[in-house]
Amino acid sequence: MSVESILESIEKLAVTRTNKKIFETIIEDMQKNNVDPKTHDIYIFESSNSHNADDFLAYLSENYGDFTINKVRIAASLSVHVGNGAYGV
């Protein structure tokens, strides 16, 4: 997902077949928007199964830099709509 200008809209960033491809796509979007570990923190919104978010954070650290990370658990009322293992950056 991509959030534009203080929640005016939330748009799907991409649909991919593999985690690696979505990780690359997220990082490309971050680079395009001048996101930098020195000036930005990362917020990860995750559902009950955090392995997908943890895999992304490891990939991010290896390929883009060490950000300050803030993890937030998605409420069960939202998690049922997005699915187990879902996460947002």
N, C-alpha and C. Protein backbone atom coordinates (compact mmCIF):
# COMPACT_ATOMS: atom_id res chain seq x y z
N MET A 1 0.84 -1.18 0.00
CA MET A 1 0.00 0.00 0.00
C MET A 1 0.88 1.23 0.00
N SER A 2 0.32 2.29 -0.46
CA SER A 2 0.99 3.57 -0.45
C SER A 2 0.01 4.61 0.09
N VAL A 3 0.44 5.37 1.09
CA VAL A 3 -0.42 6.39 1.67
C VAL A 3 0.04 7.74 1.16
N GLU A 4 -0.88 8.46 0.57
CA GLU A 4 -0.56 9.76 -0.02
C GLU A 4 -1.08 10.89 0.86
N SER A 5 -0.23 11.83 1.16
CA SER A 5 -0.58 13.10 1.78
C SER A 5 -1.57 12.99 2.93
N ILE A 6 -1.10 12.60 4.06
CA ILE A 6 -1.88 12.54 5.30
C ILE A 6 -3.21 11.81 5.10
N LEU A 7 -3.12 10.62 4.60
CA LEU A 7 -4.27 9.72 4.47
C LEU A 7 -5.38 10.21 3.56
N GLU A 8 -5.06 10.98 2.55
CA GLU A 8 -6.07 11.32 1.57
C GLU A 8 -6.51 10.06 0.83
N SER A 9 -5.55 9.15 0.64
CA SER A 9 -5.90 7.89 -0.02
C SER A 9 -4.88 6.82 0.34
N ILE A 10 -5.29 5.58 0.22
CA ILE A 10 -4.39 4.44 0.37
C ILE A 10 -4.50 3.65 -0.91
N GLU A 11 -3.37 3.48 -1.58
CA GLU A 11 -3.35 2.78 -2.86
C GLU A 11 -2.48 1.54 -2.76
N LYS A 12 -2.83 0.52 -3.51
CA LYS A 12 -2.01 -0.68 -3.60
C LYS A 12 -0.72 -0.33 -4.31
N LEU A 13 0.41 -0.67 -3.70
CA LEU A 13 1.71 -0.37 -4.30
C LEU A 13 2.02 -1.33 -5.44
N ALA A 14 1.82 -2.64 -5.21
CA ALA A 14 2.16 -3.62 -6.24
C ALA A 14 1.57 -4.97 -5.88
N VAL A 15 1.50 -5.82 -6.88
CA VAL A 15 1.14 -7.23 -6.69
C VAL A 15 2.31 -8.03 -7.25
N THR A 16 2.88 -8.89 -6.43
CA THR A 16 4.03 -9.68 -6.87
C THR A 16 3.82 -11.14 -6.48
N ARG A 17 4.66 -12.00 -7.02
CA ARG A 17 4.57 -13.43 -6.73
C ARG A 17 5.49 -13.87 -5.59
N THR A 18 6.53 -13.10 -5.31
CA THR A 18 7.50 -13.53 -4.30
C THR A 18 7.74 -12.41 -3.29
N ASN A 19 8.17 -12.81 -2.09
CA ASN A 19 8.53 -11.82 -1.09
C ASN A 19 9.68 -10.95 -1.57
N LYS A 20 10.69 -11.55 -2.18
CA LYS A 20 11.84 -10.78 -2.64
C LYS A 20 11.42 -9.67 -3.58
N LYS A 21 10.51 -9.95 -4.49
CA LYS A 21 10.06 -8.94 -5.46
C LYS A 21 9.29 -7.81 -4.76
N ILE A 22 8.44 -8.14 -3.78
CA ILE A 22 7.73 -7.06 -3.09
C ILE A 22 8.69 -6.26 -2.23
N PHE A 23 9.68 -6.93 -1.62
CA PHE A 23 10.68 -6.20 -0.84
C PHE A 23 11.43 -5.22 -1.74
N GLU A 24 11.83 -5.67 -2.92
CA GLU A 24 12.53 -4.79 -3.87
C GLU A 24 11.64 -3.63 -4.29
N THR A 25 10.37 -3.91 -4.52
CA THR A 25 9.42 -2.88 -4.95
C THR A 25 9.23 -1.83 -3.86
N ILE A 26 9.12 -2.27 -2.61
CA ILE A 26 8.96 -1.33 -1.49
C ILE A 26 10.20 -0.45 -1.39
N ILE A 27 11.38 -1.05 -1.47
CA ILE A 27 12.62 -0.28 -1.36
C ILE A 27 12.76 0.70 -2.53
N GLU A 28 12.41 0.28 -3.74
CA GLU A 28 12.44 1.20 -4.88
C GLU A 28 11.53 2.39 -4.65
N ASP A 29 10.34 2.15 -4.09
CA ASP A 29 9.41 3.23 -3.81
C ASP A 29 9.97 4.15 -2.71
N MET A 30 10.60 3.56 -1.72
CA MET A 30 11.22 4.36 -0.66
C MET A 30 12.32 5.26 -1.24
N GLN A 31 13.15 4.70 -2.12
CA GLN A 31 14.22 5.48 -2.74
C GLN A 31 13.65 6.59 -3.61
N LYS A 32 12.60 6.27 -4.35
CA LYS A 32 11.95 7.27 -5.21
C LYS A 32 11.42 8.45 -4.38
N ASN A 33 11.02 8.16 -3.14
CA ASN A 33 10.46 9.19 -2.27
C ASN A 33 11.48 9.73 -1.26
N ASN A 34 12.77 9.47 -1.55
CA ASN A 34 13.87 10.00 -0.74
C ASN A 34 13.82 9.60 0.73
N VAL A 35 13.36 8.39 0.99
CA VAL A 35 13.36 7.86 2.35
C VAL A 35 14.78 7.41 2.68
N ASP A 36 15.29 7.85 3.82
CA ASP A 36 16.68 7.60 4.19
C ASP A 36 16.75 7.22 5.67
N PRO A 37 17.60 6.27 6.04
CA PRO A 37 17.72 5.88 7.45
C PRO A 37 18.10 7.03 8.38
N LYS A 38 18.76 8.05 7.86
CA LYS A 38 19.18 9.18 8.68
C LYS A 38 18.03 10.14 8.98
N THR A 39 17.01 10.13 8.13
CA THR A 39 15.94 11.12 8.28
C THR A 39 14.56 10.52 8.51
N HIS A 40 14.44 9.21 8.39
CA HIS A 40 13.13 8.57 8.49
C HIS A 40 13.18 7.37 9.44
N ASP A 41 12.07 7.13 10.12
CA ASP A 41 11.86 5.91 10.89
C ASP A 41 10.91 5.02 10.11
N ILE A 42 10.95 3.73 10.37
CA ILE A 42 10.05 2.78 9.71
C ILE A 42 9.03 2.28 10.72
N TYR A 43 7.77 2.32 10.33
CA TYR A 43 6.68 1.76 11.13
C TYR A 43 6.17 0.53 10.41
N ILE A 44 6.15 -0.59 11.10
CA ILE A 44 5.65 -1.84 10.54
C ILE A 44 4.36 -2.19 11.26
N PHE A 45 3.28 -2.29 10.51
CA PHE A 45 1.99 -2.70 11.06
C PHE A 45 1.80 -4.15 10.67
N GLU A 46 1.71 -5.03 11.68
CA GLU A 46 1.69 -6.46 11.39
C GLU A 46 0.50 -7.14 12.06
N SER A 47 0.06 -8.24 11.42
CA SER A 47 -1.01 -9.05 12.01
C SER A 47 -0.38 -10.10 12.92
N SER A 48 -1.11 -11.13 13.24
CA SER A 48 -0.69 -12.08 14.28
C SER A 48 0.56 -12.89 13.93
N ASN A 49 0.89 -13.01 12.67
CA ASN A 49 2.04 -13.80 12.27
C ASN A 49 3.11 -12.84 11.75
N SER A 50 4.17 -12.62 12.54
CA SER A 50 5.11 -11.54 12.22
C SER A 50 6.28 -11.96 11.34
N HIS A 51 6.33 -13.22 10.89
CA HIS A 51 7.51 -13.65 10.14
C HIS A 51 7.68 -12.89 8.82
N ASN A 52 6.59 -12.52 8.15
CA ASN A 52 6.72 -11.75 6.90
C ASN A 52 7.34 -10.38 7.15
N ALA A 53 6.88 -9.71 8.20
CA ALA A 53 7.43 -8.40 8.54
C ALA A 53 8.89 -8.53 8.95
N ASP A 54 9.22 -9.56 9.72
CA ASP A 54 10.61 -9.77 10.14
C ASP A 54 11.51 -10.04 8.94
N ASP A 55 11.02 -10.81 7.98
CA ASP A 55 11.79 -11.08 6.76
C ASP A 55 12.04 -9.78 5.99
N PHE A 56 11.02 -8.93 5.90
CA PHE A 56 11.19 -7.65 5.22
C PHE A 56 12.22 -6.78 5.94
N LEU A 57 12.14 -6.71 7.26
CA LEU A 57 13.07 -5.88 8.02
C LEU A 57 14.51 -6.35 7.84
N ALA A 58 14.72 -7.66 7.80
CA ALA A 58 16.07 -8.19 7.57
C ALA A 58 16.55 -7.80 6.18
N TYR A 59 15.68 -7.94 5.17
CA TYR A 59 16.03 -7.57 3.80
C TYR A 59 16.32 -6.06 3.71
N LEU A 60 15.50 -5.26 4.35
CA LEU A 60 15.69 -3.81 4.35
C LEU A 60 17.04 -3.44 4.94
N SER A 61 17.37 -4.03 6.07
CA SER A 61 18.65 -3.73 6.73
C SER A 61 19.83 -4.12 5.85
N GLU A 62 19.75 -5.28 5.21
CA GLU A 62 20.85 -5.76 4.36
C GLU A 62 21.01 -4.95 3.07
N ASN A 63 19.89 -4.42 2.55
CA ASN A 63 19.92 -3.80 1.23
C ASN A 63 19.74 -2.29 1.19
N TYR A 64 19.39 -1.68 2.34
CA TYR A 64 19.10 -0.25 2.28
C TYR A 64 19.66 0.52 3.47
N GLY A 65 19.85 -0.13 4.60
CA GLY A 65 20.40 0.55 5.76
C GLY A 65 19.63 0.24 7.03
N ASP A 66 20.16 0.72 8.12
CA ASP A 66 19.56 0.46 9.44
C ASP A 66 18.68 1.62 9.85
N PHE A 67 17.39 1.41 9.78
CA PHE A 67 16.39 2.39 10.19
C PHE A 67 16.03 2.16 11.66
N THR A 68 15.48 3.17 12.30
CA THR A 68 14.81 2.98 13.58
C THR A 68 13.47 2.33 13.25
N ILE A 69 13.19 1.18 13.88
CA ILE A 69 12.00 0.39 13.56
C ILE A 69 10.99 0.49 14.70
N ASN A 70 9.74 0.70 14.35
CA ASN A 70 8.63 0.72 15.29
C ASN A 70 7.59 -0.29 14.82
N LYS A 71 7.36 -1.34 15.62
CA LYS A 71 6.37 -2.36 15.24
C LYS A 71 5.05 -2.09 15.96
N VAL A 72 3.96 -2.20 15.20
CA VAL A 72 2.63 -1.99 15.73
C VAL A 72 1.78 -3.19 15.34
N ARG A 73 1.11 -3.80 16.29
CA ARG A 73 0.24 -4.94 16.02
C ARG A 73 -1.09 -4.43 15.47
N ILE A 74 -1.54 -4.99 14.35
CA ILE A 74 -2.85 -4.65 13.76
C ILE A 74 -3.93 -5.27 14.65
N ALA A 75 -4.94 -4.50 14.97
CA ALA A 75 -6.04 -5.00 15.78
C ALA A 75 -6.73 -6.17 15.10
N ALA A 76 -7.25 -7.10 15.89
CA ALA A 76 -7.92 -8.28 15.34
C ALA A 76 -9.06 -7.89 14.40
N SER A 77 -9.75 -6.80 14.70
CA SER A 77 -10.86 -6.36 13.85
C SER A 77 -10.40 -5.97 12.45
N LEU A 78 -9.15 -5.54 12.30
CA LEU A 78 -8.59 -5.24 10.98
C LEU A 78 -7.89 -6.46 10.39
N SER A 79 -7.28 -7.23 11.26
CA SER A 79 -6.52 -8.40 10.82
C SER A 79 -7.38 -9.40 10.07
N VAL A 80 -8.64 -9.53 10.46
CA VAL A 80 -9.52 -10.48 9.77
C VAL A 80 -9.78 -10.07 8.32
N HIS A 81 -9.62 -8.79 8.01
CA HIS A 81 -9.85 -8.31 6.65
C HIS A 81 -8.60 -8.42 5.78
N VAL A 82 -7.42 -8.24 6.38
CA VAL A 82 -6.19 -8.26 5.59
C VAL A 82 -5.51 -9.62 5.57
N GLY A 83 -5.79 -10.47 6.55
CA GLY A 83 -5.26 -11.81 6.55
C GLY A 83 -4.07 -12.02 7.46
N ASN A 84 -3.90 -13.26 7.87
CA ASN A 84 -2.79 -13.65 8.71
C ASN A 84 -1.48 -13.47 7.96
N GLY A 85 -0.51 -12.85 8.60
CA GLY A 85 0.78 -12.62 7.95
C GLY A 85 0.87 -11.32 7.19
N ALA A 86 -0.21 -10.55 7.17
CA ALA A 86 -0.19 -9.26 6.47
C ALA A 86 0.63 -8.26 7.26
N TYR A 87 1.24 -7.34 6.52
CA TYR A 87 1.96 -6.25 7.17
C TYR A 87 1.95 -5.03 6.27
N GLY A 88 2.14 -3.88 6.87
CA GLY A 88 2.23 -2.62 6.12
C GLY A 88 3.47 -1.88 6.55
N VAL A 89 4.04 -1.11 5.64
CA VAL A 89 5.25 -0.35 5.93
C VAL A 89 4.90 1.13 5.81
